[in-house]
C-alpha atoms as a PDB file:
ATOM      1  CA  MET A   1     -73.970 -99.210 -29.881  1.00  0.00           C
ATOM      2  CA  ILE A   2     -71.464-100.933 -27.806  1.00  0.00           C
ATOM      3  CA  ILE A   3     -72.712-102.737 -24.457  1.00  0.00           C
ATOM      4  CA  ALA A   4     -69.973-103.509 -22.069  1.00  0.00           C
ATOM      5  CA  GLU A   5     -70.279-105.625 -18.865  1.00  0.00           C
ATOM      6  CA  LEU A   6     -67.764-104.018 -16.558  1.00  0.00           C
ATOM      7  CA  LYS A   7     -66.434-105.076 -13.096  1.00  0.00           C
ATOM      8  CA  ASN A   8     -64.061-103.355 -10.744  1.00  0.00           C
ATOM      9  CA  GLY A   9     -60.673-104.651 -11.946  1.00  0.00           C
ATOM     10  CA  ALA A  10     -59.467-105.013  -8.241  1.00  0.00           C
ATOM     11  CA  TYR A  11     -62.663-107.054  -7.255  1.00  0.00           C
ATOM     12  CA  ARG A  12     -63.542-109.123 -10.437  1.00  0.00           C
ATOM     13  CA  ASP A  13     -65.844-111.471  -8.366  1.00  0.00           C
ATOM     14  CA  ASN A  14     -68.143-108.749  -7.216  1.00  0.00           C
ATOM     15  CA  TYR A  15     -71.028-106.896  -8.785  1.00  0.00           C
ATOM     16  CA  SER A  16     -71.062-105.955 -12.457  1.00  0.00           C
ATOM     17  CA  ILE A  17     -72.852-103.246 -14.381  1.00  0.00           C
ATOM     18  CA  ASP A  18     -73.614-102.805 -18.078  1.00  0.00           C
ATOM     19  CA  ILE A  19     -72.929 -99.465 -19.644  1.00  0.00           C
ATOM     20  CA  THR A  20     -74.069 -98.743 -23.182  1.00  0.00           C
ATOM     21  CA  PHE A  21     -71.480 -96.585 -25.081  1.00  0.00           C
ATOM     22  CA  PRO A  22     -71.286 -93.935 -25.958  1.00  0.00           C
ATOM     23  CA  VAL A  23     -72.456 -92.370 -22.839  1.00  0.00           C
ATOM     24  CA  ASP A  24     -72.372 -88.861 -21.383  1.00  0.00           C
ATOM     25  CA  GLU A  25     -69.752 -88.360 -18.647  1.00  0.00           C
ATOM     26  CA  GLU A  26     -72.219 -87.588 -15.781  1.00  0.00           C
ATOM     27  CA  SER A  27     -74.232 -90.802 -16.434  1.00  0.00           C
ATOM     28  CA  MET A  28     -70.928 -92.901 -16.834  1.00  0.00           C
ATOM     29  CA  MET A  29     -69.609 -91.790 -13.570  1.00  0.00           C
ATOM     30  CA  GLU A  30     -72.995 -92.363 -11.808  1.00  0.00           C
ATOM     31  CA  GLN A  31     -72.839 -95.974 -13.049  1.00  0.00           C
ATOM     32  CA  LEU A  32     -69.201 -96.554 -12.293  1.00  0.00           C
ATOM     33  CA  SER A  33     -69.846 -95.376  -8.678  1.00  0.00           C
ATOM     34  CA  GLY A  34     -71.820 -98.476  -8.209  1.00  0.00           C
ATOM     35  CA  LEU A  35     -68.473-100.368  -8.840  1.00  0.00           C
ATOM     36  CA  ASN A  36     -66.598 -98.143  -6.181  1.00  0.00           C
ATOM     37  CA  ILE A  37     -64.758 -96.448  -9.258  1.00  0.00           C
ATOM     38  CA  SER A  38     -64.331 -92.837  -8.783  1.00  0.00           C
ATOM     39  CA  ASP A  39     -61.981 -91.999 -11.655  1.00  0.00           C
ATOM     40  CA  SER A  40     -62.832 -93.065 -15.250  1.00  0.00           C
ATOM     41  CA  ASN A  41     -59.328 -92.120 -16.503  1.00  0.00           C
ATOM     42  CA  ILE A  42     -57.648 -95.029 -14.814  1.00  0.00           C
ATOM     43  CA  ALA A  43     -57.613 -98.493 -16.640  1.00  0.00           C
ATOM     44  CA  ASP A  44     -59.327-100.242 -13.639  1.00  0.00           C
ATOM     45  CA  CYS A  45     -62.706-101.656 -15.322  1.00  0.00           C
ATOM     46  CA  HIS A  46     -62.475-105.287 -15.983  1.00  0.00           C
ATOM     47  CA  VAL A  47     -64.366-106.026 -19.305  1.00  0.00           C
ATOM     48  CA  ALA A  48     -66.418-109.196 -18.635  1.00  0.00           C
ATOM     49  CA  LYS A  49     -68.277-109.143 -21.798  1.00  0.00           C
ATOM     50  CA  ILE A  50     -68.805-106.961 -24.855  1.00  0.00           C
ATOM     51  CA  SER A  51     -72.005-107.014 -27.010  1.00  0.00           C
ATOM     52  CA  GLY A  52     -73.652-104.800 -29.439  1.00  0.00           C
ATOM     53  CA  ASP A  53     -73.140-103.752 -33.075  1.00  0.00           C
ATOM     54  CA  ILE A  54     -69.493-104.425 -33.403  1.00  0.00           C
ATOM     55  CA  PRO A  55     -68.618-108.104 -32.613  1.00  0.00           C
ATOM     56  CA  ALA A  56     -64.999-107.550 -33.294  1.00  0.00           C
ATOM     57  CA  LEU A  57     -64.672-105.678 -30.011  1.00  0.00           C
ATOM     58  CA  CYS A  58     -64.932-108.802 -28.130  1.00  0.00           C
ATOM     59  CA  VAL A  59     -61.050-108.582 -28.307  1.00  0.00           C
ATOM     60  CA  LEU A  60     -61.423-106.367 -25.251  1.00  0.00           C
ATOM     61  CA  GLU A  61     -63.109-109.026 -23.157  1.00  0.00           C
ATOM     62  CA  ASN A  62     -61.100-110.228 -20.035  1.00  0.00           C
ATOM     63  CA  ASN A  63     -58.952-107.028 -20.120  1.00  0.00           C
ATOM     64  CA  CYS A  64     -59.038-103.986 -18.058  1.00  0.00           C
ATOM     65  CA  ILE A  65     -59.742-100.816 -19.791  1.00  0.00           C
ATOM     66  CA  ASN A  66     -59.965 -97.077 -19.259  1.00  0.00           C
ATOM     67  CA  VAL A  67     -63.703 -96.263 -19.463  1.00  0.00           C
ATOM     68  CA  ASP A  68     -62.904 -92.690 -20.932  1.00  0.00           C
ATOM     69  CA  GLU A  69     -61.043 -94.256 -23.719  1.00  0.00           C
ATOM     70  CA  MET A  70     -63.772 -96.822 -24.312  1.00  0.00           C
ATOM     71  CA  ASN A  71     -66.238 -93.852 -24.475  1.00  0.00           C
ATOM     72  CA  TYR A  72     -64.018 -91.976 -26.898  1.00  0.00           C
ATOM     73  CA  LEU A  73     -63.707 -95.095 -29.130  1.00  0.00           C
ATOM     74  CA  ALA A  74     -67.472 -95.581 -29.046  1.00  0.00           C
ATOM     75  CA  ARG A  75     -68.006 -91.927 -30.182  1.00  0.00           C
ATOM     76  CA  ARG A  76     -65.506 -92.474 -33.089  1.00  0.00           C
ATOM     77  CA  ILE A  77     -67.130 -95.651 -34.203  1.00  0.00           C
ATOM     78  CA  ASP A  78     -70.653 -93.905 -33.883  1.00  0.00           C
ATOM     79  CA  SER A  79     -69.662 -91.509 -36.766  1.00  0.00           C
ATOM     80  CA  PHE A  80     -68.626 -94.466 -39.107  1.00  0.00           C
ATOM     81  CA  ASP A  81     -70.708 -95.391 -42.183  1.00  0.00           C
ATOM     82  CA  TYR A  82     -71.312 -99.069 -43.095  1.00  0.00           C
ATOM     83  CA  TYR A  83     -68.282 -99.262 -45.180  1.00  0.00           C
ATOM     84  CA  GLU A  84     -65.859 -97.755 -42.632  1.00  0.00           C
ATOM     85  CA  LEU A  85     -67.270-100.096 -39.941  1.00  0.00           C
ATOM     86  CA  ALA A  86     -66.592-103.059 -42.246  1.00  0.00           C
ATOM     87  CA  LYS A  87     -63.038-101.815 -42.620  1.00  0.00           C
ATOM     88  CA  PHE A  88     -62.643-101.321 -38.955  1.00  0.00           C
ATOM     89  CA  GLN A  89     -63.795-104.882 -38.075  1.00  0.00           C
ATOM     90  CA  GLY A  90     -61.925-106.420 -40.804  1.00  0.00           C
ATOM     91  CA  ALA A  91     -58.643-104.580 -39.740  1.00  0.00           C
ATOM     92  CA  ILE A  92     -59.051-105.772 -36.344  1.00  0.00           C
ATOM     93  CA  ALA A  93     -59.280-109.382 -37.392  1.00  0.00           C
ATOM     94  CA  ARG A  94     -56.467-109.047 -39.999  1.00  0.00           C
ATOM     95  CA  GLU A  95     -53.958-107.107 -37.818  1.00  0.00           C
ATOM     96  CA  GLY A  96     -54.816-108.804 -34.582  1.00  0.00           C
ATOM     97  CA  ILE A  97     -55.469-105.522 -32.833  1.00  0.00           C
ATOM     98  CA  CYS A  98     -56.541-106.227 -29.291  1.00  0.00           C
ATOM     99  CA  THR A  99     -55.503-102.976 -27.186  1.00  0.00           C
ATOM    100  CA  MET A 100     -57.575 -99.868 -26.625  1.00  0.00           C
ATOM    101  CA  LYS A 101     -54.738 -97.776 -27.941  1.00  0.00           C
ATOM    102  CA  ASP A 102     -54.470 -99.667 -31.203  1.00  0.00           C
ATOM    103  CA  LEU A 103     -58.217 -99.700 -31.637  1.00  0.00           C
ATOM    104  CA  ILE A 104     -58.483 -95.925 -31.246  1.00  0.00           C
ATOM    105  CA  ASN A 105     -55.446 -95.475 -33.558  1.00  0.00           C
ATOM    106  CA  LEU A 106     -57.235 -97.580 -36.123  1.00  0.00           C
ATOM    107  CA  THR A 107     -60.058 -95.256 -36.347  1.00  0.00           C
ATOM    108  CA  PHE A 108     -57.748 -92.669 -37.667  1.00  0.00           C
ATOM    109  CA  ASN A 109     -56.094 -95.017 -40.137  1.00  0.00           C
ATOM    110  CA  LEU A 110     -58.849 -96.697 -41.840  1.00  0.00           C
ATOM    111  CA  HIS A 111     -57.793 -95.088 -45.295  1.00  0.00           C
ATOM    112  CA  ASN A 112     -55.051 -97.712 -45.283  1.00  0.00           C
ATOM    113  CA  TYR A 113     -57.652-100.585 -45.661  1.00  0.00           C
ATOM    114  CA  THR A 114     -59.973-101.736 -48.320  1.00  0.00           C
ATOM    115  CA  VAL A 115     -62.905-104.086 -47.888  1.00  0.00           C
ATOM    116  CA  VAL A 116     -64.671-105.688 -50.915  1.00  0.00           C
ATOM    117  CA  THR A 117     -68.412-105.653 -50.135  1.00  0.00           C
ATOM    118  CA  ASP A 118     -69.665-106.439 -53.693  1.00  0.00           C
ATOM    119  CA  PHE A 119     -68.377-110.015 -54.604  1.00  0.00           C
ATOM    120  CA  LEU A 120     -70.711-110.119 -57.825  1.00  0.00           C
ATOM    121  CA  ASN A 121     -68.561-107.684 -59.656  1.00  0.00           C
ATOM    122  CA  LEU A 122     -65.100-108.445 -58.625  1.00  0.00           C
ATOM    123  CA  LYS A 123     -63.790-107.954 -62.322  1.00  0.00           C
ATOM    124  CA  LYS A 124     -65.183-104.444 -62.000  1.00  0.00           C
ATOM    125  CA  HIS A 125     -62.772-103.595 -59.129  1.00  0.00           C
ATOM    126  CA  ARG A 126     -59.604-104.957 -60.855  1.00  0.00           C
ATOM    127  CA  LYS A 127     -57.399-102.543 -62.631  1.00  0.00           C
END
């Protein structure tokens, strides 16, 4: 679960809303209408804060995003198991990934990363 506090990118001092991703299209558009945003395909939502189960996504804070892309990313992440989620967050930190495009691309390239989760048996993992 990803919770994003969003503001209208053109009027950042105004009202903000919290959207929990992933979200269905109708509910998303209803919530965005409160920010005077009528098209979720435009990168005009300023991310004031990201919270939830994936702390590494804080790299999106203080940037404008396309909400449809955020929803797509959340759906991709929602399908991850524990190990994939660990690889995703580790890769964000290691590679310095901070754009929506790169985050989405990363979800398709997790096979390129390895995360050691069992530090008690490191010799077992060596070849």
